[in-house]
């Protein structure tokens, strides 16, 4: 059976000019990116924030992956900035259902990200309202963190039980492991350093698309 797995470039930087440059570059090979936001608290690193995104309003299809405490504080700015989907971390809040409902009211899709050690069955009460799940295959916060292969077993089990939910993976994806990752039943794969830190991002992106769907 042929696959149709999307490769979503993950944009991670704390520098506004670098963000603009990465988005401009991404537009040459894709129409969709994920922009990563980090607060230095939920994860140890910092990156671009929602106020900056509201100012620049990226002119490419994009979603936000917010690795921040109290994600409910960020969602209105991000939707105003043009985010089509906002993915927040299960571990960062106790207000999961309220955040999902707020996003839907604002006209955005709602996704939840799970850190590698978080049990996917915790999402069971939210499956009726959740649009997507993003499985982290690294401990989040950095470009180039090592891939955690045990996450693939969680993805396959979750997909078998919940085929209606869009599933993604984020972290540690390279050309040498993407075929194995793609076989787990994902709908999309987020890739950061393997694209943007390569010598030829356009070529790397197309290679990843080809390998994921071979």
Protein backbone atom coordinates (compact mmCIF):
# COMPACT_ATOMS: atom_id res chain seq x y z
CA UNK A 1 0.00 0.00 0.00
CA UNK A 2 1.39 3.37 -1.00
CA UNK A 3 2.01 5.96 1.69
CA UNK A 4 1.24 9.63 1.72
CA UNK A 5 3.31 10.79 4.68
CA UNK A 6 3.94 14.51 4.91
CA UNK A 7 7.33 15.89 5.86
CA UNK A 8 6.86 19.06 7.91
CA UNK A 9 9.99 21.20 8.36
CA UNK A 10 10.40 22.25 11.98
CA UNK A 11 11.67 25.81 12.42
CA UNK A 12 13.53 26.41 15.66
CA UNK A 13 15.39 29.65 16.44
CA UNK A 14 15.36 32.49 18.95
CA UNK A 15 16.56 35.05 16.40
CA UNK A 16 13.89 36.98 14.50
CA UNK A 17 16.02 37.60 11.40
CA UNK A 18 16.98 33.91 11.32
CA UNK A 19 13.33 32.96 11.59
CA UNK A 20 12.48 35.12 8.60
CA UNK A 21 15.37 33.60 6.65
CA UNK A 22 14.32 30.03 7.49
CA UNK A 23 10.72 30.69 6.52
CA UNK A 24 11.80 32.26 3.23
CA UNK A 25 13.97 29.24 2.52
CA UNK A 26 11.18 26.81 3.44
CA UNK A 27 8.82 28.45 0.94
CA UNK A 28 11.08 27.24 -1.87
CA UNK A 29 10.26 23.59 -1.15
CA UNK A 30 7.11 23.32 1.00
CA UNK A 31 3.83 25.05 1.82
CA UNK A 32 3.72 23.98 5.46
CA UNK A 33 6.07 24.33 8.43
CA UNK A 34 5.98 23.84 12.17
CA UNK A 35 7.33 26.74 14.24
CA UNK A 36 8.69 25.73 17.63
CA UNK A 37 8.21 27.98 20.66
CA UNK A 38 10.15 27.36 23.88
CA UNK A 39 10.07 29.36 27.11
CA UNK A 40 13.24 28.22 28.88
CA UNK A 41 11.06 26.75 31.65
CA UNK A 42 9.14 23.78 30.30
CA UNK A 43 12.29 23.02 28.30
CA UNK A 44 15.70 24.53 29.07
CA UNK A 45 16.05 26.38 25.75
CA UNK A 46 14.49 29.60 24.50
CA UNK A 47 13.11 30.30 21.04
CA UNK A 48 10.91 32.79 19.24
CA UNK A 49 7.74 33.82 21.10
CA UNK A 50 4.14 34.43 20.13
CA UNK A 51 4.48 38.23 20.28
CA UNK A 52 7.20 38.10 17.59
CA UNK A 53 5.08 35.82 15.42
CA UNK A 54 2.10 38.15 15.76
CA UNK A 55 4.31 40.95 14.44
CA UNK A 56 5.77 39.13 11.43
CA UNK A 57 2.69 36.99 10.56
CA UNK A 58 4.45 34.23 8.57
CA UNK A 59 3.27 34.10 4.94
CA UNK A 60 3.42 30.31 4.70
CA UNK A 61 1.04 27.68 6.04
CA UNK A 62 2.18 26.99 9.58
CA UNK A 63 1.39 25.41 12.88
CA UNK A 64 2.88 26.13 16.29
CA UNK A 65 4.47 23.55 18.58
CA UNK A 66 4.53 25.27 21.95
CA UNK A 67 6.95 23.79 24.48
CA UNK A 68 5.92 26.18 27.24
CA UNK A 69 4.31 26.18 30.65
CA UNK A 70 0.75 27.53 30.80
CA UNK A 71 0.17 27.16 27.04
CA UNK A 72 -3.28 28.76 27.37
CA UNK A 73 -1.51 32.12 27.60
CA UNK A 74 -0.09 31.77 24.08
CA UNK A 75 -2.93 30.51 21.95
CA UNK A 76 -4.79 33.74 21.14
CA UNK A 77 -1.63 35.50 19.91
CA UNK A 78 -0.69 32.49 17.79
CA UNK A 79 -4.09 32.21 16.14
CA UNK A 80 -4.02 35.96 15.43
CA UNK A 81 -0.57 35.45 13.88
CA UNK A 82 -2.03 32.88 11.48
CA UNK A 83 -1.36 29.47 13.06
CA UNK A 84 -3.71 26.85 11.61
CA UNK A 85 -2.99 24.34 14.35
CA UNK A 86 -1.47 24.69 17.80
CA UNK A 87 0.20 21.72 19.45
CA UNK A 88 0.70 22.03 23.18
CA UNK A 89 2.30 19.58 25.59
CA UNK A 90 0.19 17.31 27.73
CA UNK A 91 2.73 17.67 30.54
CA UNK A 92 2.58 21.49 30.58
CA UNK A 93 -0.98 21.98 31.81
CA UNK A 94 -3.98 20.42 33.54
CA UNK A 95 -6.42 22.35 31.35
CA UNK A 96 -6.30 20.12 28.28
CA UNK A 97 -9.98 20.13 27.40
CA UNK A 98 -10.39 23.86 27.99
CA UNK A 99 -7.42 24.65 25.72
CA UNK A 100 -8.75 22.40 22.97
CA UNK A 101 -12.18 24.03 23.19
CA UNK A 102 -10.63 27.50 23.12
CA UNK A 103 -8.62 26.65 20.01
CA UNK A 104 -11.69 25.33 18.23
CA UNK A 105 -13.63 28.46 19.20
CA UNK A 106 -10.81 30.57 17.72
CA UNK A 107 -10.93 28.54 14.50
CA UNK A 108 -7.71 26.56 14.92
CA UNK A 109 -7.04 22.84 15.17
CA UNK A 110 -5.79 21.44 18.46
CA UNK A 111 -2.95 18.97 18.87
CA UNK A 112 -1.28 17.52 21.93
CA UNK A 113 2.39 16.56 22.10
CA UNK A 114 3.59 13.75 24.34
CA UNK A 115 7.09 13.53 25.76
CA UNK A 116 8.76 10.11 25.35
CA UNK A 117 7.98 8.98 28.89
CA UNK A 118 4.30 10.04 28.87
CA UNK A 119 1.70 7.27 28.53
CA UNK A 120 -0.52 7.71 25.46
CA UNK A 121 -3.51 6.19 27.27
CA UNK A 122 -3.73 9.41 29.30
CA UNK A 123 -5.29 10.97 26.19
CA UNK A 124 -8.32 8.67 26.28
CA UNK A 125 -10.70 11.26 27.81
CA UNK A 126 -9.77 13.75 25.06
CA UNK A 127 -10.04 11.59 21.96
CA UNK A 128 -13.49 12.89 21.06
CA UNK A 129 -12.26 16.49 20.75
CA UNK A 130 -8.58 16.19 19.85
CA UNK A 131 -7.46 16.74 16.24
CA UNK A 132 -3.94 15.28 16.36
CA UNK A 133 -1.21 13.79 18.55
CA UNK A 134 2.49 14.55 18.16
CA UNK A 135 4.80 11.92 19.63
CA UNK A 136 8.15 13.30 20.75
CA UNK A 137 10.96 10.91 19.86
CA UNK A 138 13.56 13.01 21.68
CA UNK A 139 13.59 14.82 24.99
CA UNK A 140 12.42 18.18 23.62
CA UNK A 141 14.22 21.47 23.46
CA UNK A 142 17.13 21.17 21.03
CA UNK A 143 17.94 20.61 17.38
CA UNK A 144 19.85 17.37 16.89
CA UNK A 145 18.85 15.45 20.04
CA UNK A 146 19.21 11.63 19.81
CA UNK A 147 16.26 9.59 18.56
CA UNK A 148 14.43 7.34 21.05
CA UNK A 149 13.26 4.28 19.05
CA UNK A 150 10.94 2.88 21.75
CA UNK A 151 8.46 5.62 20.87
CA UNK A 152 7.63 3.79 17.62
CA UNK A 153 5.99 0.93 19.55
CA UNK A 154 3.75 3.46 21.31
CA UNK A 155 2.78 4.98 17.97
CA UNK A 156 1.83 1.66 16.42
CA UNK A 157 -0.28 0.67 19.42
CA UNK A 158 -2.00 4.06 19.52
CA UNK A 159 -2.69 4.01 15.77
CA UNK A 160 -4.29 0.57 15.98
CA UNK A 161 -6.64 1.74 18.73
CA UNK A 162 -7.34 5.22 17.34
CA UNK A 163 -7.11 5.22 13.53
CA UNK A 164 -9.18 8.41 13.29
CA UNK A 165 -6.59 10.65 14.99
CA UNK A 166 -3.87 12.30 12.88
CA UNK A 167 -0.46 11.24 14.21
CA UNK A 168 2.94 12.89 13.90
CA UNK A 169 6.42 12.41 15.25
CA UNK A 170 9.04 15.01 16.08
CA UNK A 171 12.70 14.63 16.98
CA UNK A 172 15.84 12.91 15.81
CA UNK A 173 14.59 12.10 12.31
CA UNK A 174 17.35 11.54 9.75
CA UNK A 175 17.67 9.99 6.32
CA UNK A 176 19.07 6.83 7.91
CA UNK A 177 16.05 6.19 10.15
CA UNK A 178 13.07 7.77 8.41
CA UNK A 179 12.04 4.58 6.58
CA UNK A 180 11.73 2.74 9.89
CA UNK A 181 9.86 5.67 11.40
CA UNK A 182 7.44 5.89 8.47
CA UNK A 183 6.52 2.21 8.84
CA UNK A 184 4.93 2.87 12.23
CA UNK A 185 1.74 4.31 10.71
CA UNK A 186 2.28 8.05 10.98
CA UNK A 187 0.53 10.75 8.96
CA UNK A 188 3.32 13.32 9.18
CA UNK A 189 6.93 13.61 10.29
CA UNK A 190 8.50 16.81 11.63
CA UNK A 191 12.14 17.32 10.68
CA UNK A 192 14.39 20.13 11.84
CA UNK A 193 18.16 19.77 11.76
CA UNK A 194 18.21 17.15 8.99
CA UNK A 195 16.77 19.84 6.72
CA UNK A 196 17.92 23.23 7.97
CA UNK A 197 21.40 22.24 9.11
CA UNK A 198 22.17 20.29 5.94
CA UNK A 199 24.30 21.73 3.13
CA UNK A 200 21.36 21.60 0.74
CA UNK A 201 17.99 21.92 2.55
CA UNK A 202 15.95 21.60 -0.64
CA UNK A 203 17.63 18.33 -1.60
CA UNK A 204 17.41 17.01 1.97
CA UNK A 205 13.70 17.75 2.15
CA UNK A 206 12.95 15.93 -1.10
CA UNK A 207 15.13 12.99 -0.09
CA UNK A 208 13.21 12.68 3.15
CA UNK A 209 9.86 12.78 1.33
CA UNK A 210 11.03 10.05 -1.03
CA UNK A 211 12.38 7.81 1.73
CA UNK A 212 9.31 8.21 3.93
CA UNK A 213 6.99 7.17 1.12
CA UNK A 214 9.08 4.44 -0.53
